[in-house]
Amino acid sequence: MNRIINWRYEKWDNNEKNNDKKYSEDGISDYISWEIYPEDIELFITVLAPRTIIYKGCVIRCKNENKKQSICQRFDSWLLQGKDLHIAQAQINMCSIADIFLNTSENTSDSTIENLANLIKDNWELHLQKTYPDRDFVVYIAGEGVDLVVIFFEQTLSSEIELYDS
């Protein structure tokens, strides 16, 4: 991960230094202790370790059991459009960083977005490997800036991928 340059932490750290409060030498730990709630991290687990299902032999993200039918229908519609299984799988498994933080990323730097994309990518690799040890996944990041997306597909389905433009 890149060196963390976080404007919220820097603002907090400068305010704390100006208030002459005693904190540990690891200011980031203090910031987390005071400003980050366990419930926030707990919710983010849904992004880092996505819920998946097997549909038509493919592992696909299914964020919500109530949406399973619509996700499968969308997957089927891509197949009906002539898309290969691997392309439909990649399209359904695409996660846009901008969509996750749609209402809170206004002041977010490109480096923070990049760090988050890498965190999601790394966690998806570990999660998929642990959940489906007999399958070979490719997880990668596409796009730039706030428009980064993290995508996964199964290597055994194809070695090339075409991105769906929505």
N, C-alpha and C. Protein backbone atom coordinates (compact mmCIF):
# COMPACT_ATOMS: atom_id res chain seq x y z
N MET A 1 0.84 -1.18 0.00
CA MET A 1 0.00 0.00 0.00
C MET A 1 0.89 1.24 0.00
N ASN A 2 0.42 2.27 -0.67
CA ASN A 2 1.18 3.52 -0.71
C ASN A 2 1.26 4.15 0.67
N ARG A 3 2.21 5.07 0.83
CA ARG A 3 2.28 5.84 2.06
C ARG A 3 0.96 6.55 2.23
N ILE A 4 0.42 6.51 3.42
CA ILE A 4 -0.90 7.08 3.67
C ILE A 4 -0.79 8.58 3.88
N ILE A 5 -1.46 9.31 3.00
CA ILE A 5 -1.59 10.76 3.14
C ILE A 5 -3.09 11.00 3.21
N ASN A 6 -3.60 11.22 4.42
CA ASN A 6 -5.02 11.30 4.65
C ASN A 6 -5.35 12.65 5.25
N TRP A 7 -6.10 13.46 4.52
CA TRP A 7 -6.37 14.83 4.97
C TRP A 7 -7.15 14.88 6.28
N ARG A 8 -8.03 13.91 6.51
CA ARG A 8 -8.79 13.90 7.76
C ARG A 8 -7.87 13.62 8.95
N TYR A 9 -6.97 12.65 8.76
CA TYR A 9 -6.02 12.34 9.83
C TYR A 9 -5.09 13.53 10.07
N GLU A 10 -4.57 14.11 8.99
CA GLU A 10 -3.65 15.26 9.12
C GLU A 10 -4.32 16.42 9.85
N LYS A 11 -5.57 16.70 9.52
CA LYS A 11 -6.31 17.78 10.19
C LYS A 11 -6.48 17.47 11.67
N TRP A 12 -6.85 16.24 11.98
CA TRP A 12 -7.03 15.81 13.37
C TRP A 12 -5.70 15.90 14.12
N ASP A 13 -4.64 15.39 13.50
CA ASP A 13 -3.32 15.38 14.13
C ASP A 13 -2.85 16.80 14.42
N ASN A 14 -3.02 17.72 13.49
CA ASN A 14 -2.63 19.11 13.71
C ASN A 14 -3.44 19.75 14.82
N ASN A 15 -4.74 19.48 14.88
CA ASN A 15 -5.57 20.01 15.95
C ASN A 15 -5.15 19.47 17.31
N GLU A 16 -4.82 18.19 17.37
CA GLU A 16 -4.41 17.58 18.64
C GLU A 16 -3.07 18.15 19.11
N LYS A 17 -2.15 18.37 18.17
CA LYS A 17 -0.85 18.95 18.55
C LYS A 17 -1.04 20.37 19.08
N ASN A 18 -1.94 21.11 18.47
CA ASN A 18 -2.21 22.47 18.91
C ASN A 18 -2.87 22.49 20.29
N ASN A 19 -3.56 21.43 20.65
CA ASN A 19 -4.22 21.36 21.96
C ASN A 19 -3.30 20.80 23.04
N ASP A 20 -2.06 20.46 22.66
CA ASP A 20 -1.06 19.93 23.60
C ASP A 20 -1.56 18.73 24.41
N LYS A 21 -2.36 17.89 23.79
CA LYS A 21 -2.80 16.68 24.48
C LYS A 21 -1.72 15.62 24.35
N LYS A 22 -1.64 14.75 25.33
CA LYS A 22 -0.67 13.67 25.31
C LYS A 22 -1.29 12.46 24.61
N TYR A 23 -0.63 12.02 23.57
CA TYR A 23 -1.04 10.83 22.85
C TYR A 23 0.19 9.98 22.63
N SER A 24 -0.04 8.77 22.21
CA SER A 24 1.09 7.88 21.95
C SER A 24 1.86 8.39 20.74
N GLU A 25 3.01 7.80 20.50
CA GLU A 25 3.82 8.23 19.37
C GLU A 25 3.24 7.79 18.03
N ASP A 26 2.36 6.80 18.06
CA ASP A 26 1.71 6.34 16.83
C ASP A 26 0.38 7.06 16.71
N GLY A 27 0.40 8.23 16.11
CA GLY A 27 -0.79 9.06 16.00
C GLY A 27 -1.93 8.40 15.25
N ILE A 28 -1.62 7.55 14.27
CA ILE A 28 -2.68 6.89 13.52
C ILE A 28 -3.48 5.97 14.43
N SER A 29 -2.82 5.27 15.33
CA SER A 29 -3.54 4.42 16.29
C SER A 29 -4.46 5.26 17.17
N ASP A 30 -3.98 6.44 17.59
CA ASP A 30 -4.82 7.33 18.38
C ASP A 30 -6.02 7.81 17.57
N TYR A 31 -5.79 8.16 16.34
CA TYR A 31 -6.89 8.61 15.48
C TYR A 31 -7.94 7.51 15.35
N ILE A 32 -7.50 6.29 15.09
CA ILE A 32 -8.43 5.17 14.97
C ILE A 32 -9.19 4.98 16.27
N SER A 33 -8.47 5.06 17.39
CA SER A 33 -9.08 4.88 18.71
C SER A 33 -10.18 5.92 18.99
N TRP A 34 -9.96 7.16 18.55
CA TRP A 34 -10.89 8.24 18.83
C TRP A 34 -11.95 8.46 17.76
N GLU A 35 -11.62 8.17 16.51
CA GLU A 35 -12.48 8.61 15.41
C GLU A 35 -13.15 7.50 14.59
N ILE A 36 -12.65 6.30 14.66
CA ILE A 36 -13.19 5.21 13.84
C ILE A 36 -13.98 4.27 14.74
N TYR A 37 -15.17 3.93 14.29
CA TYR A 37 -16.03 3.06 15.08
C TYR A 37 -15.95 1.62 14.56
N PRO A 38 -15.96 0.64 15.47
CA PRO A 38 -15.92 -0.76 15.03
C PRO A 38 -17.04 -1.09 14.05
N GLU A 39 -18.20 -0.48 14.22
CA GLU A 39 -19.33 -0.74 13.33
C GLU A 39 -19.02 -0.32 11.89
N ASP A 40 -18.20 0.71 11.71
CA ASP A 40 -17.82 1.14 10.36
C ASP A 40 -16.98 0.07 9.67
N ILE A 41 -16.04 -0.50 10.43
CA ILE A 41 -15.19 -1.55 9.88
C ILE A 41 -16.03 -2.80 9.63
N GLU A 42 -16.92 -3.11 10.56
CA GLU A 42 -17.79 -4.27 10.42
C GLU A 42 -18.59 -4.18 9.12
N LEU A 43 -19.13 -3.02 8.81
CA LEU A 43 -19.89 -2.85 7.58
C LEU A 43 -19.01 -3.00 6.35
N PHE A 44 -17.77 -2.55 6.43
CA PHE A 44 -16.88 -2.62 5.28
C PHE A 44 -16.44 -4.05 4.96
N ILE A 45 -16.65 -4.95 5.90
CA ILE A 45 -16.35 -6.36 5.64
C ILE A 45 -17.16 -6.85 4.45
N THR A 46 -18.37 -6.30 4.25
CA THR A 46 -19.20 -6.72 3.12
C THR A 46 -18.55 -6.38 1.79
N VAL A 47 -17.68 -5.39 1.77
CA VAL A 47 -16.93 -5.05 0.56
C VAL A 47 -15.67 -5.91 0.46
N LEU A 48 -14.97 -6.08 1.56
CA LEU A 48 -13.69 -6.80 1.55
C LEU A 48 -13.84 -8.31 1.37
N ALA A 49 -14.93 -8.86 1.85
CA ALA A 49 -15.19 -10.30 1.73
C ALA A 49 -16.60 -10.47 1.17
N PRO A 50 -16.75 -10.27 -0.13
CA PRO A 50 -18.09 -10.24 -0.71
C PRO A 50 -18.81 -11.58 -0.63
N ARG A 51 -20.11 -11.48 -0.46
CA ARG A 51 -20.97 -12.67 -0.51
C ARG A 51 -21.04 -13.11 -1.97
N THR A 52 -20.90 -14.39 -2.21
CA THR A 52 -20.91 -14.92 -3.58
C THR A 52 -21.82 -16.12 -3.67
N ILE A 53 -22.20 -16.44 -4.90
CA ILE A 53 -22.97 -17.64 -5.20
C ILE A 53 -22.36 -18.29 -6.43
N ILE A 54 -22.69 -19.55 -6.64
CA ILE A 54 -22.31 -20.23 -7.88
C ILE A 54 -23.56 -20.23 -8.76
N TYR A 55 -23.43 -19.68 -9.95
CA TYR A 55 -24.53 -19.64 -10.90
C TYR A 55 -23.98 -19.99 -12.27
N LYS A 56 -24.56 -20.99 -12.89
CA LYS A 56 -24.11 -21.49 -14.19
C LYS A 56 -22.62 -21.80 -14.18
N GLY A 57 -22.16 -22.34 -13.05
CA GLY A 57 -20.78 -22.74 -12.93
C GLY A 57 -19.80 -21.61 -12.64
N CYS A 58 -20.31 -20.39 -12.49
CA CYS A 58 -19.45 -19.23 -12.24
C CYS A 58 -19.68 -18.67 -10.84
N VAL A 59 -18.61 -18.20 -10.24
CA VAL A 59 -18.71 -17.51 -8.96
C VAL A 59 -19.08 -16.06 -9.26
N ILE A 60 -20.20 -15.62 -8.69
CA ILE A 60 -20.61 -14.22 -8.90
C ILE A 60 -20.97 -13.58 -7.56
N ARG A 61 -20.72 -12.27 -7.51
CA ARG A 61 -21.04 -11.50 -6.31
C ARG A 61 -22.55 -11.39 -6.18
N CYS A 62 -23.03 -11.58 -4.98
CA CYS A 62 -24.45 -11.45 -4.68
C CYS A 62 -24.54 -10.73 -3.34
N LYS A 63 -24.56 -9.41 -3.38
CA LYS A 63 -24.48 -8.62 -2.16
C LYS A 63 -25.63 -8.86 -1.20
N ASN A 64 -26.79 -9.20 -1.76
CA ASN A 64 -27.99 -9.30 -0.96
C ASN A 64 -28.82 -10.47 -1.47
N GLU A 65 -29.21 -11.34 -0.57
CA GLU A 65 -30.00 -12.52 -0.95
C GLU A 65 -31.29 -12.12 -1.68
N ASN A 66 -31.86 -10.98 -1.30
CA ASN A 66 -33.09 -10.51 -1.95
C ASN A 66 -32.86 -10.09 -3.40
N LYS A 67 -31.61 -9.82 -3.78
CA LYS A 67 -31.29 -9.38 -5.14
C LYS A 67 -30.76 -10.53 -6.00
N LYS A 68 -30.71 -11.72 -5.44
CA LYS A 68 -30.13 -12.86 -6.15
C LYS A 68 -30.79 -13.09 -7.51
N GLN A 69 -32.11 -13.04 -7.56
CA GLN A 69 -32.82 -13.27 -8.81
C GLN A 69 -32.48 -12.21 -9.86
N SER A 70 -32.45 -10.95 -9.47
CA SER A 70 -32.14 -9.89 -10.45
C SER A 70 -30.69 -9.96 -10.92
N ILE A 71 -29.78 -10.36 -10.03
CA ILE A 71 -28.38 -10.52 -10.43
C ILE A 71 -28.25 -11.65 -11.44
N CYS A 72 -28.92 -12.75 -11.19
CA CYS A 72 -28.88 -13.88 -12.13
C CYS A 72 -29.52 -13.50 -13.46
N GLN A 73 -30.59 -12.72 -13.42
CA GLN A 73 -31.23 -12.26 -14.67
C GLN A 73 -30.29 -11.35 -15.46
N ARG A 74 -29.58 -10.48 -14.76
CA ARG A 74 -28.62 -9.60 -15.43
C ARG A 74 -27.49 -10.43 -16.06
N PHE A 75 -27.02 -11.42 -15.33
CA PHE A 75 -25.99 -12.33 -15.84
C PHE A 75 -26.51 -13.02 -17.10
N ASP A 76 -27.73 -13.54 -17.05
CA ASP A 76 -28.33 -14.21 -18.20
C ASP A 76 -28.50 -13.26 -19.39
N SER A 77 -28.85 -12.01 -19.12
CA SER A 77 -29.04 -11.06 -20.24
C SER A 77 -27.72 -10.80 -20.95
N TRP A 78 -26.60 -10.77 -20.22
CA TRP A 78 -25.31 -10.61 -20.87
C TRP A 78 -24.98 -11.83 -21.73
N LEU A 79 -25.34 -13.00 -21.23
CA LEU A 79 -25.12 -14.21 -22.02
C LEU A 79 -25.98 -14.18 -23.29
N LEU A 80 -27.23 -13.71 -23.18
CA LEU A 80 -28.11 -13.61 -24.35
C LEU A 80 -27.60 -12.60 -25.37
N GLN A 81 -26.84 -11.61 -24.90
CA GLN A 81 -26.24 -10.62 -25.81
C GLN A 81 -25.01 -11.18 -26.50
N GLY A 82 -24.72 -12.43 -26.26
CA GLY A 82 -23.58 -13.06 -26.91
C GLY A 82 -22.28 -12.98 -26.13
N LYS A 83 -22.34 -12.49 -24.89
CA LYS A 83 -21.14 -12.42 -24.07
C LYS A 83 -20.75 -13.82 -23.61
N ASP A 84 -19.46 -14.08 -23.55
CA ASP A 84 -18.97 -15.34 -23.00
C ASP A 84 -19.19 -15.37 -21.50
N LEU A 85 -19.10 -16.57 -20.93
CA LEU A 85 -19.26 -16.71 -19.48
C LEU A 85 -18.27 -15.84 -18.71
N HIS A 86 -17.01 -15.81 -19.15
CA HIS A 86 -15.99 -15.05 -18.41
C HIS A 86 -16.27 -13.55 -18.46
N ILE A 87 -16.80 -13.07 -19.59
CA ILE A 87 -17.12 -11.64 -19.70
C ILE A 87 -18.30 -11.31 -18.79
N ALA A 88 -19.34 -12.14 -18.83
CA ALA A 88 -20.49 -11.92 -17.95
C ALA A 88 -20.07 -12.00 -16.49
N GLN A 89 -19.17 -12.94 -16.18
CA GLN A 89 -18.69 -13.07 -14.80
C GLN A 89 -17.94 -11.81 -14.37
N ALA A 90 -17.08 -11.30 -15.22
CA ALA A 90 -16.32 -10.09 -14.87
C ALA A 90 -17.25 -8.90 -14.71
N GLN A 91 -18.25 -8.79 -15.57
CA GLN A 91 -19.18 -7.66 -15.50
C GLN A 91 -19.99 -7.68 -14.21
N ILE A 92 -20.43 -8.85 -13.82
CA ILE A 92 -21.25 -8.96 -12.61
C ILE A 92 -20.39 -8.78 -11.36
N ASN A 93 -19.09 -9.06 -11.47
CA ASN A 93 -18.18 -8.98 -10.33
C ASN A 93 -17.37 -7.69 -10.30
N MET A 94 -17.83 -6.69 -10.99
CA MET A 94 -17.15 -5.40 -11.04
C MET A 94 -17.62 -4.55 -9.85
N CYS A 95 -16.68 -3.98 -9.14
CA CYS A 95 -16.99 -3.13 -7.98
C CYS A 95 -16.37 -1.75 -8.20
N SER A 96 -17.22 -0.76 -8.33
CA SER A 96 -16.76 0.61 -8.55
C SER A 96 -16.50 1.30 -7.22
N ILE A 97 -15.30 1.82 -7.06
CA ILE A 97 -14.96 2.54 -5.82
C ILE A 97 -15.86 3.77 -5.68
N ALA A 98 -16.13 4.45 -6.79
CA ALA A 98 -16.99 5.64 -6.76
C ALA A 98 -18.40 5.29 -6.28
N ASP A 99 -18.91 4.12 -6.65
CA ASP A 99 -20.24 3.72 -6.20
C ASP A 99 -20.28 3.43 -4.71
N ILE A 100 -19.21 2.85 -4.18
CA ILE A 100 -19.17 2.54 -2.75
C ILE A 100 -19.22 3.83 -1.93
N PHE A 101 -18.46 4.83 -2.36
CA PHE A 101 -18.33 6.08 -1.60
C PHE A 101 -18.99 7.25 -2.33
N LEU A 102 -20.09 6.99 -2.98
CA LEU A 102 -20.78 7.98 -3.80
C LEU A 102 -21.02 9.30 -3.09
N ASN A 103 -21.44 9.24 -1.84
CA ASN A 103 -21.83 10.46 -1.12
C ASN A 103 -20.77 11.00 -0.17
N THR A 104 -19.61 10.35 -0.10
CA THR A 104 -18.62 10.78 0.89
C THR A 104 -17.23 11.01 0.31
N SER A 105 -17.06 10.91 -0.99
CA SER A 105 -15.71 10.97 -1.55
C SER A 105 -15.34 12.33 -2.16
N GLU A 106 -16.11 13.33 -1.88
CA GLU A 106 -15.89 14.64 -2.50
C GLU A 106 -14.46 15.17 -2.31
N ASN A 107 -13.92 15.07 -1.11
CA ASN A 107 -12.58 15.60 -0.83
C ASN A 107 -11.51 14.52 -0.82
N THR A 108 -11.86 13.34 -1.29
CA THR A 108 -10.93 12.22 -1.23
C THR A 108 -9.88 12.32 -2.33
N SER A 109 -8.64 12.06 -1.98
CA SER A 109 -7.55 12.14 -2.95
C SER A 109 -7.50 10.88 -3.81
N ASP A 110 -6.89 11.00 -4.97
CA ASP A 110 -6.70 9.85 -5.85
C ASP A 110 -5.88 8.77 -5.15
N SER A 111 -4.91 9.17 -4.32
CA SER A 111 -4.09 8.17 -3.65
C SER A 111 -4.92 7.37 -2.64
N THR A 112 -5.88 8.00 -1.98
CA THR A 112 -6.76 7.28 -1.06
C THR A 112 -7.63 6.30 -1.83
N ILE A 113 -8.19 6.74 -2.95
CA ILE A 113 -9.01 5.86 -3.79
C ILE A 113 -8.17 4.67 -4.26
N GLU A 114 -6.94 4.95 -4.67
CA GLU A 114 -6.04 3.88 -5.12
C GLU A 114 -5.72 2.91 -3.99
N ASN A 115 -5.47 3.42 -2.79
CA ASN A 115 -5.21 2.56 -1.64
C ASN A 115 -6.41 1.67 -1.34
N LEU A 116 -7.61 2.23 -1.41
CA LEU A 116 -8.82 1.44 -1.15
C LEU A 116 -9.01 0.38 -2.22
N ALA A 117 -8.78 0.72 -3.47
CA ALA A 117 -8.90 -0.27 -4.55
C ALA A 117 -7.92 -1.42 -4.32
N ASN A 118 -6.70 -1.10 -3.94
CA ASN A 118 -5.70 -2.15 -3.66
C ASN A 118 -6.09 -2.99 -2.45
N LEU A 119 -6.65 -2.36 -1.42
CA LEU A 119 -7.12 -3.10 -0.25
C LEU A 119 -8.23 -4.08 -0.64
N ILE A 120 -9.19 -3.62 -1.43
CA ILE A 120 -10.27 -4.50 -1.89
C ILE A 120 -9.71 -5.62 -2.73
N LYS A 121 -8.84 -5.29 -3.68
CA LYS A 121 -8.24 -6.31 -4.56
C LYS A 121 -7.53 -7.38 -3.73
N ASP A 122 -6.67 -6.96 -2.82
CA ASP A 122 -5.90 -7.91 -2.01
C ASP A 122 -6.82 -8.79 -1.17
N ASN A 123 -7.86 -8.20 -0.58
CA ASN A 123 -8.78 -8.98 0.24
C ASN A 123 -9.62 -9.93 -0.60
N TRP A 124 -10.04 -9.49 -1.79
CA TRP A 124 -10.78 -10.38 -2.67
C TRP A 124 -9.94 -11.59 -3.05
N GLU A 125 -8.67 -11.36 -3.35
CA GLU A 125 -7.78 -12.48 -3.70
C GLU A 125 -7.75 -13.51 -2.57
N LEU A 126 -7.54 -13.05 -1.36
CA LEU A 126 -7.47 -13.96 -0.20
C LEU A 126 -8.82 -14.62 0.07
N HIS A 127 -9.87 -13.84 0.02
CA HIS A 127 -11.21 -14.36 0.30
C HIS A 127 -11.62 -15.42 -0.73
N LEU A 128 -11.40 -15.13 -2.00
CA LEU A 128 -11.77 -16.08 -3.05
C LEU A 128 -10.93 -17.34 -2.97
N GLN A 129 -9.64 -17.18 -2.70
CA GLN A 129 -8.75 -18.34 -2.58
C GLN A 129 -9.18 -19.24 -1.42
N LYS A 130 -9.56 -18.63 -0.32
CA LYS A 130 -9.99 -19.40 0.85
C LYS A 130 -11.36 -20.03 0.63
N THR A 131 -12.28 -19.30 0.02
CA THR A 131 -13.64 -19.79 -0.17
C THR A 131 -13.73 -20.84 -1.27
N TYR A 132 -12.93 -20.66 -2.33
CA TYR A 132 -12.97 -21.56 -3.49
C TYR A 132 -11.54 -22.03 -3.82
N PRO A 133 -10.95 -22.86 -2.97
CA PRO A 133 -9.55 -23.24 -3.16
C PRO A 133 -9.29 -24.02 -4.46
N ASP A 134 -10.30 -24.60 -5.04
CA ASP A 134 -10.13 -25.38 -6.27
C ASP A 134 -10.28 -24.54 -7.54
N ARG A 135 -10.50 -23.24 -7.39
CA ARG A 135 -10.68 -22.36 -8.56
C ARG A 135 -9.54 -21.36 -8.63
N ASP A 136 -9.27 -20.90 -9.84
CA ASP A 136 -8.17 -19.97 -10.09
C ASP A 136 -8.74 -18.63 -10.54
N PHE A 137 -8.60 -17.61 -9.70
CA PHE A 137 -9.18 -16.29 -9.98
C PHE A 137 -8.13 -15.28 -10.39
N VAL A 138 -8.55 -14.35 -11.21
CA VAL A 138 -7.78 -13.16 -11.53
C VAL A 138 -8.55 -12.00 -10.92
N VAL A 139 -7.87 -11.19 -10.12
CA VAL A 139 -8.48 -10.00 -9.53
C VAL A 139 -7.60 -8.83 -9.96
N TYR A 140 -8.21 -7.82 -10.54
CA TYR A 140 -7.41 -6.68 -10.98
C TYR A 140 -8.17 -5.38 -10.86
N ILE A 141 -7.44 -4.29 -11.02
CA ILE A 141 -7.98 -2.94 -10.93
C ILE A 141 -7.91 -2.32 -12.31
N ALA A 142 -9.00 -1.67 -12.71
CA ALA A 142 -9.04 -0.97 -13.99
C ALA A 142 -9.52 0.46 -13.74
N GLY A 143 -9.26 1.32 -14.71
CA GLY A 143 -9.69 2.71 -14.60
C GLY A 143 -8.63 3.58 -13.96
N GLU A 144 -9.04 4.80 -13.65
CA GLU A 144 -8.11 5.73 -12.99
C GLU A 144 -8.87 6.71 -12.14
N GLY A 145 -8.15 7.30 -11.19
CA GLY A 145 -8.75 8.28 -10.30
C GLY A 145 -9.93 7.70 -9.53
N VAL A 146 -10.96 8.49 -9.38
CA VAL A 146 -12.14 8.07 -8.64
C VAL A 146 -12.93 7.01 -9.40
N ASP A 147 -12.62 6.80 -10.67
CA ASP A 147 -13.32 5.83 -11.50
C ASP A 147 -12.68 4.44 -11.48
N LEU A 148 -11.89 4.14 -10.48
CA LEU A 148 -11.29 2.81 -10.38
C LEU A 148 -12.36 1.76 -10.10
N VAL A 149 -12.18 0.61 -10.71
CA VAL A 149 -13.05 -0.54 -10.44
C VAL A 149 -12.18 -1.74 -10.14
N VAL A 150 -12.67 -2.61 -9.26
CA VAL A 150 -12.00 -3.86 -8.95
C VAL A 150 -12.88 -4.95 -9.56
N ILE A 151 -12.23 -5.89 -10.23
CA ILE A 151 -12.95 -6.91 -10.99
C ILE A 151 -12.32 -8.27 -10.69
N PHE A 152 -13.17 -9.30 -10.63
CA PHE A 152 -12.61 -10.65 -10.60
C PHE A 152 -13.35 -11.55 -11.57
N PHE A 153 -12.59 -12.50 -12.09
CA PHE A 153 -13.13 -13.55 -12.95
C PHE A 153 -12.27 -14.77 -12.77
N GLU A 154 -12.76 -15.88 -13.28
CA GLU A 154 -12.02 -17.13 -13.12
C GLU A 154 -11.08 -17.33 -14.29
N GLN A 155 -9.83 -17.59 -13.97
CA GLN A 155 -8.78 -17.79 -14.96
C GLN A 155 -9.12 -18.93 -15.91
N THR A 156 -9.72 -19.97 -15.39
CA THR A 156 -10.01 -21.15 -16.21
C THR A 156 -11.06 -20.87 -17.28
N LEU A 157 -11.84 -19.79 -17.12
CA LEU A 157 -12.85 -19.46 -18.11
C LEU A 157 -12.23 -18.78 -19.32
N SER A 158 -11.20 -17.95 -19.10
CA SER A 158 -10.53 -17.27 -20.20
C SER A 158 -9.36 -16.47 -19.68
N SER A 159 -8.43 -16.18 -20.56
CA SER A 159 -7.30 -15.35 -20.17
C SER A 159 -7.47 -13.90 -20.63
N GLU A 160 -8.49 -13.64 -21.44
CA GLU A 160 -8.75 -12.26 -21.88
C GLU A 160 -10.08 -11.81 -21.31
N ILE A 161 -10.22 -10.51 -21.13
CA ILE A 161 -11.43 -9.94 -20.57
C ILE A 161 -11.78 -8.67 -21.30
N GLU A 162 -13.04 -8.48 -21.59
CA GLU A 162 -13.53 -7.24 -22.16
C GLU A 162 -14.44 -6.61 -21.12
N LEU A 163 -14.27 -5.34 -20.88
CA LEU A 163 -15.08 -4.67 -19.88
C LEU A 163 -16.38 -4.20 -20.48
N TYR A 164 -17.42 -4.33 -19.70
CA TYR A 164 -18.74 -3.88 -20.10
C TYR A 164 -18.84 -2.40 -19.80
N ASP A 165 -19.25 -1.60 -20.76
CA ASP A 165 -19.46 -0.18 -20.55
C ASP A 165 -20.93 0.05 -20.27
N SER A 166 -21.21 0.46 -19.04
CA SER A 166 -22.61 0.70 -18.70
C SER A 166 -22.92 2.17 -18.72
